[in-house]
């Protein structure tokens, strides 16, 4: 079963040439927690999203998957099940 992709933390980290370890250190979180966020197995709180966005110099919306992308992924996943 595929995880629902709600955030783009992994993508934005790569775009900013930062690592999950760097983000974990900045936030005072474990690397495991940040890894779960980056792989969409767990989601950060809204407050944490604002902090992450601030650290990466982006807006919160840049960390989130747009509804159009999420819908397209659902369509692709549903058609793969047919």
Protein backbone atom coordinates (compact mmCIF):
# COMPACT_ATOMS: atom_id res chain seq x y z
CA UNK A 1 0.00 0.00 0.00
CA UNK A 2 1.38 3.39 -0.97
CA UNK A 3 1.65 6.19 1.55
CA UNK A 4 -0.34 9.28 0.78
CA UNK A 5 2.11 11.98 -0.20
CA UNK A 6 1.13 15.15 1.61
CA UNK A 7 4.43 16.95 1.95
CA UNK A 8 7.44 17.78 -0.22
CA UNK A 9 10.02 18.03 2.55
CA UNK A 10 12.40 15.57 0.88
CA UNK A 11 12.19 17.44 -2.45
CA UNK A 12 12.71 20.87 -0.88
CA UNK A 13 15.66 19.62 1.18
CA UNK A 14 17.29 18.39 -2.05
CA UNK A 15 16.51 21.67 -3.84
CA UNK A 16 18.15 23.60 -0.99
CA UNK A 17 21.10 21.17 -0.86
CA UNK A 18 20.29 20.30 2.76
CA UNK A 19 20.05 16.92 4.46
CA UNK A 20 17.55 15.38 6.80
CA UNK A 21 20.30 15.27 9.41
CA UNK A 22 20.80 19.03 9.07
CA UNK A 23 17.07 19.63 9.46
CA UNK A 24 16.87 17.31 12.47
CA UNK A 25 19.75 19.20 14.14
CA UNK A 26 18.14 22.58 13.44
CA UNK A 27 14.79 21.44 14.86
CA UNK A 28 16.19 19.48 17.79
CA UNK A 29 14.45 16.35 16.48
CA UNK A 30 15.76 12.88 15.81
CA UNK A 31 16.89 11.91 12.35
CA UNK A 32 14.29 9.14 12.51
CA UNK A 33 11.46 11.68 12.93
CA UNK A 34 12.64 13.82 10.02
CA UNK A 35 13.08 10.70 7.89
CA UNK A 36 9.47 9.70 8.58
CA UNK A 37 8.33 13.17 7.53
CA UNK A 38 10.46 13.13 4.38
CA UNK A 39 9.05 9.75 3.36
CA UNK A 40 5.47 10.75 4.23
CA UNK A 41 5.12 7.98 6.79
CA UNK A 42 4.31 10.63 9.39
CA UNK A 43 3.46 14.32 9.08
CA UNK A 44 4.87 17.26 11.02
CA UNK A 45 2.50 19.52 12.90
CA UNK A 46 1.44 22.81 11.37
CA UNK A 47 3.75 24.62 13.78
CA UNK A 48 6.64 22.39 12.69
CA UNK A 49 5.84 23.05 9.03
CA UNK A 50 6.18 26.78 9.67
CA UNK A 51 9.51 26.23 11.41
CA UNK A 52 10.77 23.98 8.59
CA UNK A 53 9.69 26.53 5.97
CA UNK A 54 11.51 29.29 7.86
CA UNK A 55 14.71 27.23 8.11
CA UNK A 56 14.62 26.38 4.40
CA UNK A 57 13.68 29.89 3.28
CA UNK A 58 10.44 28.83 1.61
CA UNK A 59 6.74 29.31 2.23
CA UNK A 60 4.73 26.58 3.94
CA UNK A 61 2.78 25.99 0.73
CA UNK A 62 6.05 25.00 -0.94
CA UNK A 63 6.33 22.11 1.52
CA UNK A 64 2.88 20.75 0.72
CA UNK A 65 1.74 18.63 -2.20
CA UNK A 66 -0.91 20.47 -4.20
CA UNK A 67 -4.37 18.97 -4.37
CA UNK A 68 -3.97 18.50 -8.14
CA UNK A 69 -0.83 16.39 -7.67
CA UNK A 70 -2.45 14.36 -4.90
CA UNK A 71 -5.52 13.73 -7.07
CA UNK A 72 -3.38 12.64 -10.04
CA UNK A 73 -1.46 10.21 -7.81
CA UNK A 74 -4.76 8.75 -6.58
CA UNK A 75 -5.97 8.30 -10.16
CA UNK A 76 -2.68 6.64 -11.12
CA UNK A 77 -2.81 4.33 -8.09
CA UNK A 78 -6.45 3.43 -8.67
CA UNK A 79 -5.87 2.59 -12.33
CA UNK A 80 -2.87 0.42 -11.38
CA UNK A 81 -5.25 -1.68 -9.25
CA UNK A 82 -7.50 -2.44 -12.25
